PDB file of N, CA and C in Angstrom:
ATOM      1  N   GLY A   1     -79.419 172.023  33.735  1.00  0.00           N
ATOM      2  CA  GLY A   1     -78.183 171.475  33.438  1.00  0.00           C
ATOM      3  C   GLY A   1     -78.283 170.197  32.592  1.00  0.00           C
ATOM      4  N   HIS A   2     -77.081 169.721  32.347  1.00  0.00           N
ATOM      5  CA  HIS A   2     -77.012 168.416  31.530  1.00  0.00           C
ATOM      6  C   HIS A   2     -75.710 167.794  31.775  1.00  0.00           C
ATOM      7  N   VAL A   3     -75.589 166.533  31.317  1.00  0.00           N
ATOM      8  CA  VAL A   3     -74.403 165.815  31.371  1.00  0.00           C
ATOM      9  C   VAL A   3     -73.365 166.390  30.442  1.00  0.00           C
ATOM     10  N   PRO A   4     -72.079 166.524  30.911  1.00  0.00           N
ATOM     11  CA  PRO A   4     -71.098 167.105  29.910  1.00  0.00           C
ATOM     12  C   PRO A   4     -71.079 166.363  28.590  1.00  0.00           C
ATOM     13  N   GLY A   5     -71.109 167.102  27.529  1.00  0.00           N
ATOM     14  CA  GLY A   5     -71.064 166.535  26.175  1.00  0.00           C
ATOM     15  C   GLY A   5     -72.444 166.043  25.669  1.00  0.00           C
ATOM     16  N   ALA A   6     -73.479 166.277  26.441  1.00  0.00           N
ATOM     17  CA  ALA A   6     -74.754 165.798  26.088  1.00  0.00           C
ATOM     18  C   ALA A   6     -75.350 166.430  24.847  1.00  0.00           C
ATOM     19  N   VAL A   7     -76.211 165.667  24.139  1.00  0.00           N
ATOM     20  CA  VAL A   7     -76.912 166.237  22.976  1.00  0.00           C
ATOM     21  C   VAL A   7     -78.423 166.163  23.317  1.00  0.00           C
ATOM     22  N   ASN A   8     -79.097 167.285  23.205  1.00  0.00           N
ATOM     23  CA  ASN A   8     -80.585 167.279  23.476  1.00  0.00           C
ATOM     24  C   ASN A   8     -81.256 166.744  22.192  1.00  0.00           C
ATOM     25  N   LEU A   9     -82.011 165.681  22.400  1.00  0.00           N
ATOM     26  CA  LEU A   9     -82.705 165.016  21.233  1.00  0.00           C
ATOM     27  C   LEU A   9     -84.108 164.849  21.543  1.00  0.00           C
ATOM     28  N   PRO A  10     -84.984 165.914  21.383  1.00  0.00           N
ATOM     29  CA  PRO A  10     -86.464 165.686  21.716  1.00  0.00           C
ATOM     30  C   PRO A  10     -87.036 164.580  20.840  1.00  0.00           C
ATOM     31  N   LYS A  11     -88.182 164.034  21.272  1.00  0.00           N
ATOM     32  CA  LYS A  11     -88.825 162.849  20.598  1.00  0.00           C
ATOM     33  C   LYS A  11     -89.128 163.231  19.097  1.00  0.00           C
ATOM     34  N   GLU A  12     -89.526 164.462  18.859  1.00  0.00           N
ATOM     35  CA  GLU A  12     -89.869 164.792  17.517  1.00  0.00           C
ATOM     36  C   GLU A  12     -88.624 164.889  16.498  1.00  0.00           C
ATOM     37  N   LYS A  13     -87.389 164.734  17.050  1.00  0.00           N
ATOM     38  CA  LYS A  13     -86.192 164.679  16.252  1.00  0.00           C
ATOM     39  C   LYS A  13     -85.559 163.238  16.283  1.00  0.00           C
ATOM     40  N   TRP A  14     -86.255 162.289  16.797  1.00  0.00           N
ATOM     41  CA  TRP A  14     -85.636 160.937  16.890  1.00  0.00           C
ATOM     42  C   TRP A  14     -85.390 160.354  15.506  1.00  0.00           C
ATOM     43  N   ASP A  15     -86.235 160.677  14.499  1.00  0.00           N
ATOM     44  CA  ASP A  15     -85.989 160.164  13.105  1.00  0.00           C
ATOM     45  C   ASP A  15     -84.606 160.467  12.671  1.00  0.00           C
ATOM     46  N   ALA A  16     -84.119 161.601  12.839  1.00  0.00           N
ATOM     47  CA  ALA A  16     -82.801 162.135  12.388  1.00  0.00           C
ATOM     48  C   ALA A  16     -81.668 161.562  13.145  1.00  0.00           C
ATOM     49  N   ALA A  17     -81.926 161.234  14.404  1.00  0.00           N
ATOM     50  CA  ALA A  17     -80.899 160.685  15.320  1.00  0.00           C
ATOM     51  C   ALA A  17     -79.630 161.512  15.338  1.00  0.00           C
ATOM     52  N   GLU A  18     -79.813 162.868  15.169  1.00  0.00           N
ATOM     53  CA  GLU A  18     -78.638 163.808  15.112  1.00  0.00           C
ATOM     54  C   GLU A  18     -77.848 163.772  16.360  1.00  0.00           C
ATOM     55  N   GLY A  19     -76.558 163.587  16.296  1.00  0.00           N
ATOM     56  CA  GLY A  19     -75.696 163.583  17.407  1.00  0.00           C
ATOM     57  C   GLY A  19     -75.390 162.170  17.970  1.00  0.00           C
ATOM     58  N   LEU A  20     -76.111 161.166  17.558  1.00  0.00           N
ATOM     59  CA  LEU A  20     -75.875 159.831  18.024  1.00  0.00           C
ATOM     60  C   LEU A  20     -74.701 159.179  17.198  1.00  0.00           C
ATOM     61  N   LYS A  21     -74.051 158.335  17.843  1.00  0.00           N
ATOM     62  CA  LYS A  21     -72.905 157.651  17.129  1.00  0.00           C
ATOM     63  C   LYS A  21     -73.158 156.088  17.040  1.00  0.00           C
ATOM     64  N   LYS A  22     -72.716 155.436  15.997  1.00  0.00           N
ATOM     65  CA  LYS A  22     -72.865 154.058  15.843  1.00  0.00           C
ATOM     66  C   LYS A  22     -71.580 153.294  16.290  1.00  0.00           C
ATOM     67  N   ASP A  23     -70.497 154.091  16.521  1.00  0.00           N
ATOM     68  CA  ASP A  23     -69.227 153.477  16.974  1.00  0.00           C
ATOM     69  C   ASP A  23     -68.926 153.738  18.375  1.00  0.00           C
ATOM     70  N   LYS A  24     -69.882 154.308  19.201  1.00  0.00           N
ATOM     71  CA  LYS A  24     -69.699 154.583  20.580  1.00  0.00           C
ATOM     72  C   LYS A  24     -71.032 154.276  21.304  1.00  0.00           C
ATOM     73  N   ILE A  25     -71.012 153.990  22.635  1.00  0.00           N
ATOM     74  CA  ILE A  25     -72.200 153.841  23.366  1.00  0.00           C
ATOM     75  C   ILE A  25     -72.785 155.141  23.645  1.00  0.00           C
ATOM     76  N   ASN A  26     -74.146 155.283  23.321  1.00  0.00           N
ATOM     77  CA  ASN A  26     -74.933 156.478  23.580  1.00  0.00           C
ATOM     78  C   ASN A  26     -75.651 156.321  24.852  1.00  0.00           C
ATOM     79  N   VAL A  27     -75.357 157.186  25.868  1.00  0.00           N
ATOM     80  CA  VAL A  27     -76.065 157.098  27.131  1.00  0.00           C
ATOM     81  C   VAL A  27     -77.294 157.997  27.065  1.00  0.00           C
ATOM     82  N   LEU A  28     -78.437 157.429  27.307  1.00  0.00           N
ATOM     83  CA  LEU A  28     -79.722 158.161  27.215  1.00  0.00           C
ATOM     84  C   LEU A  28     -80.291 158.381  28.581  1.00  0.00           C
ATOM     85  N   TYR A  29     -80.875 159.549  28.707  1.00  0.00           N
ATOM     86  CA  TYR A  29     -81.532 159.864  30.105  1.00  0.00           C
ATOM     87  C   TYR A  29     -82.629 160.911  29.936  1.00  0.00           C
ATOM     88  N   CYS A  30     -83.475 160.898  30.849  1.00  0.00           N
ATOM     89  CA  CYS A  30     -84.526 161.905  30.992  1.00  0.00           C
ATOM     90  C   CYS A  30     -84.162 162.657  32.304  1.00  0.00           C
ATOM     91  N   TYR A  31     -84.872 163.692  32.678  1.00  0.00           N
ATOM     92  CA  TYR A  31     -84.610 164.400  33.857  1.00  0.00           C
ATOM     93  C   TYR A  31     -84.905 163.452  35.089  1.00  0.00           C
ATOM     94  N   THR A  32     -85.959 162.759  35.084  1.00  0.00           N
ATOM     95  CA  THR A  32     -86.243 161.796  36.106  1.00  0.00           C
ATOM     96  C   THR A  32     -86.509 160.389  35.507  1.00  0.00           C
ATOM     97  N   GLN A  33     -86.310 159.354  36.319  1.00  0.00           N
ATOM     98  CA  GLN A  33     -86.530 158.029  35.871  1.00  0.00           C
ATOM     99  C   GLN A  33     -88.037 157.768  35.563  1.00  0.00           C
ATOM    100  N   GLN A  34     -88.911 158.494  36.060  1.00  0.00           N
ATOM    101  CA  GLN A  34     -90.360 158.270  35.863  1.00  0.00           C
ATOM    102  C   GLN A  34     -90.828 158.607  34.424  1.00  0.00           C
ATOM    103  N   ARG A  35     -90.100 159.273  33.681  1.00  0.00           N
ATOM    104  CA  ARG A  35     -90.537 159.838  32.348  1.00  0.00           C
ATOM    105  C   ARG A  35     -90.632 158.701  31.310  1.00  0.00           C
ATOM    106  N   HIS A  36     -89.698 157.770  31.382  1.00  0.00           N
ATOM    107  CA  HIS A  36     -89.675 156.566  30.478  1.00  0.00           C
ATOM    108  C   HIS A  36     -89.333 156.944  29.025  1.00  0.00           C
ATOM    109  N   LEU A  37     -89.106 158.136  28.663  1.00  0.00           N
ATOM    110  CA  LEU A  37     -88.741 158.517  27.248  1.00  0.00           C
ATOM    111  C   LEU A  37     -87.446 157.936  26.918  1.00  0.00           C
ATOM    112  N   ALA A  38     -86.475 158.031  27.886  1.00  0.00           N
ATOM    113  CA  ALA A  38     -85.103 157.398  27.610  1.00  0.00           C
ATOM    114  C   ALA A  38     -85.228 155.977  27.331  1.00  0.00           C
ATOM    115  N   ALA A  39     -86.111 155.255  28.036  1.00  0.00           N
ATOM    116  CA  ALA A  39     -86.222 153.781  27.843  1.00  0.00           C
ATOM    117  C   ALA A  39     -86.826 153.582  26.419  1.00  0.00           C
ATOM    118  N   ASN A  40     -87.769 154.351  26.099  1.00  0.00           N
ATOM    119  CA  ASN A  40     -88.392 154.205  24.750  1.00  0.00           C
ATOM    120  C   ASN A  40     -87.376 154.536  23.672  1.00  0.00           C
ATOM    121  N   ALA A  41     -86.568 155.600  23.867  1.00  0.00           N
ATOM    122  CA  ALA A  41     -85.610 155.955  22.917  1.00  0.00           C
ATOM    123  C   ALA A  41     -84.541 154.850  22.754  1.00  0.00           C
ATOM    124  N   ALA A  42     -84.230 154.269  23.903  1.00  0.00           N
ATOM    125  CA  ALA A  42     -83.141 153.227  23.838  1.00  0.00           C
ATOM    126  C   ALA A  42     -83.637 152.055  23.021  1.00  0.00           C
ATOM    127  N   LEU A  43     -84.899 151.731  23.159  1.00  0.00           N
ATOM    128  CA  LEU A  43     -85.442 150.564  22.304  1.00  0.00           C
ATOM    129  C   LEU A  43     -85.426 150.955  20.810  1.00  0.00           C
ATOM    130  N   GLU A  44     -85.913 152.153  20.561  1.00  0.00           N
ATOM    131  CA  GLU A  44     -85.945 152.602  19.137  1.00  0.00           C
ATOM    132  C   GLU A  44     -84.509 152.746  18.497  1.00  0.00           C
ATOM    133  N   PHE A  45     -83.596 153.342  19.246  1.00  0.00           N
ATOM    134  CA  PHE A  45     -82.239 153.592  18.617  1.00  0.00           C
ATOM    135  C   PHE A  45     -81.503 152.184  18.579  1.00  0.00           C
ATOM    136  N   ALA A  46     -81.671 151.383  19.513  1.00  0.00           N
ATOM    137  CA  ALA A  46     -81.016 150.003  19.505  1.00  0.00           C
ATOM    138  C   ALA A  46     -81.471 149.285  18.322  1.00  0.00           C
ATOM    139  N   ALA A  47     -82.776 149.314  17.993  1.00  0.00           N
ATOM    140  CA  ALA A  47     -83.301 148.603  16.824  1.00  0.00           C
ATOM    141  C   ALA A  47     -82.850 149.170  15.518  1.00  0.00           C
ATOM    142  N   ARG A  48     -82.374 150.430  15.555  1.00  0.00           N
ATOM    143  CA  ARG A  48     -81.688 151.007  14.392  1.00  0.00           C
ATOM    144  C   ARG A  48     -80.191 150.921  14.333  1.00  0.00           C
ATOM    145  N   GLY A  49     -79.623 150.101  15.187  1.00  0.00           N
ATOM    146  CA  GLY A  49     -78.208 149.799  15.205  1.00  0.00           C
ATOM    147  C   GLY A  49     -77.349 150.693  16.046  1.00  0.00           C
ATOM    148  N   PHE A  50     -77.933 151.544  16.881  1.00  0.00           N
ATOM    149  CA  PHE A  50     -77.073 152.435  17.746  1.00  0.00           C
ATOM    150  C   PHE A  50     -76.817 151.693  19.037  1.00  0.00           C
ATOM    151  N   PRO A  51     -75.594 151.663  19.542  1.00  0.00           N
ATOM    152  CA  PRO A  51     -75.324 151.028  20.808  1.00  0.00           C
ATOM    153  C   PRO A  51     -75.772 152.069  21.879  1.00  0.00           C
ATOM    154  N   VAL A  52     -76.684 151.645  22.805  1.00  0.00           N
ATOM    155  CA  VAL A  52     -77.275 152.510  23.750  1.00  0.00           C
ATOM    156  C   VAL A  52     -77.303 151.867  25.141  1.00  0.00           C
ATOM    157  N   MET A  53     -77.405 152.765  26.105  1.00  0.00           N
ATOM    158  CA  MET A  53     -77.700 152.361  27.479  1.00  0.00           C
ATOM    159  C   MET A  53     -78.413 153.470  28.149  1.00  0.00           C
ATOM    160  N   GLU A  54     -79.302 153.253  29.085  1.00  0.00           N
ATOM    161  CA  GLU A  54     -80.017 154.178  29.854  1.00  0.00           C
ATOM    162  C   GLU A  54     -79.385 154.582  31.189  1.00  0.00           C
ATOM    163  N   LEU A  55     -79.298 155.823  31.445  1.00  0.00           N
ATOM    164  CA  LEU A  55     -78.701 156.259  32.783  1.00  0.00           C
ATOM    165  C   LEU A  55     -79.734 156.032  33.818  1.00  0.00           C
ATOM    166  N   GLU A  56     -79.466 155.150  34.738  1.00  0.00           N
ATOM    167  CA  GLU A  56     -80.393 154.802  35.805  1.00  0.00           C
ATOM    168  C   GLU A  56     -80.567 156.005  36.732  1.00  0.00           C
ATOM    169  N   GLY A  57     -81.693 156.355  37.050  1.00  0.00           N
ATOM    170  CA  GLY A  57     -81.998 157.479  37.946  1.00  0.00           C
ATOM    171  C   GLY A  57     -82.221 158.828  37.237  1.00  0.00           C
ATOM    172  N   GLY A  58     -81.859 158.814  35.922  1.00  0.00           N
ATOM    173  CA  GLY A  58     -82.012 160.064  35.140  1.00  0.00           C
ATOM    174  C   GLY A  58     -81.072 161.095  35.623  1.00  0.00           C
ATOM    175  N   PHE A  59     -81.264 162.346  35.053  1.00  0.00           N
ATOM    176  CA  PHE A  59     -80.426 163.429  35.467  1.00  0.00           C
ATOM    177  C   PHE A  59     -80.537 163.787  36.898  1.00  0.00           C
ATOM    178  N   GLU A  60     -81.765 163.643  37.391  1.00  0.00           N
ATOM    179  CA  GLU A  60     -82.067 163.883  38.859  1.00  0.00           C
ATOM    180  C   GLU A  60     -81.106 163.050  39.712  1.00  0.00           C
ATOM    181  N   GLY A  61     -80.943 161.810  39.391  1.00  0.00           N
ATOM    182  CA  GLY A  61     -80.044 160.902  40.112  1.00  0.00           C
ATOM    183  C   GLY A  61     -78.614 161.323  40.015  1.00  0.00           C
ATOM    184  N   LEU A  62     -78.220 161.783  38.882  1.00  0.00           N
ATOM    185  CA  LEU A  62     -76.849 162.255  38.663  1.00  0.00           C
ATOM    186  C   LEU A  62     -76.556 163.425  39.569  1.00  0.00           C
ATOM    187  N   GLU A  63     -77.415 164.396  39.638  1.00  0.00           N
ATOM    188  CA  GLU A  63     -77.274 165.540  40.467  1.00  0.00           C
ATOM    189  C   GLU A  63     -77.241 165.201  41.965  1.00  0.00           C
ATOM    190  N   GLY A  64     -78.116 164.257  42.355  1.00  0.00           N
ATOM    191  CA  GLY A  64     -78.143 163.827  43.732  1.00  0.00           C
ATOM    192  C   GLY A  64     -76.892 163.091  44.227  1.00  0.00           C
ATOM    193  N   ASN A  65     -76.133 162.536  43.277  1.00  0.00           N
ATOM    194  CA  ASN A  65     -74.873 161.896  43.646  1.00  0.00           C
ATOM    195  C   ASN A  65     -73.675 162.815  43.532  1.00  0.00           C
ATOM    196  N   GLU A  66     -73.920 164.169  43.302  1.00  0.00           N
ATOM    197  CA  GLU A  66     -72.910 165.135  43.136  1.00  0.00           C
ATOM    198  C   GLU A  66     -71.914 164.807  42.015  1.00  0.00           C
ATOM    199  N   LEU A  67     -72.327 164.268  40.922  1.00  0.00           N
ATOM    200  CA  LEU A  67     -71.459 164.001  39.771  1.00  0.00           C
ATOM    201  C   LEU A  67     -71.437 165.238  38.872  1.00  0.00           C
ATOM    202  N   GLU A  68     -70.476 165.327  38.083  1.00  0.00           N
ATOM    203  CA  GLU A  68     -70.293 166.492  37.192  1.00  0.00           C
ATOM    204  C   GLU A  68     -71.414 166.758  36.270  1.00  0.00           C
ATOM    205  N   VAL A  69     -71.869 168.023  36.319  1.00  0.00           N
ATOM    206  CA  VAL A  69     -72.936 168.401  35.356  1.00  0.00           C
ATOM    207  C   VAL A  69     -72.584 169.756  34.800  1.00  0.00           C
ATOM    208  N   GLU A  70     -73.028 170.154  33.628  1.00  0.00           N
ATOM    209  CA  GLU A  70     -72.854 171.464  33.099  1.00  0.00           C
ATOM    210  C   GLU A  70     -74.071 172.221  33.227  1.00  0.00           C
ATOM    211  N   LYS A  71     -73.996 173.527  33.478  1.00  0.00           N
ATOM    212  CA  LYS A  71     -75.199 174.354  33.654  1.00  0.00           C
ATOM    213  C   LYS A  71     -75.391 175.153  32.376  1.00  0.00           C
TER     214      LYS A  71
END
């Protein structure tokens, strides 16, 4: 599953930043908080001028709180 409206952006596609917006906050997350890829992506994209924030707890935390997800 994923967050509604989410864009999958694997690390090998970070250079293109496809799907990210400079006029809106981009919420980044991994499946779990332990992966740290979202934190690394947040640093890289912020340095490139994208407004970003990391979803605390990752997707796993979202599911655990019974928030809306798409399958």
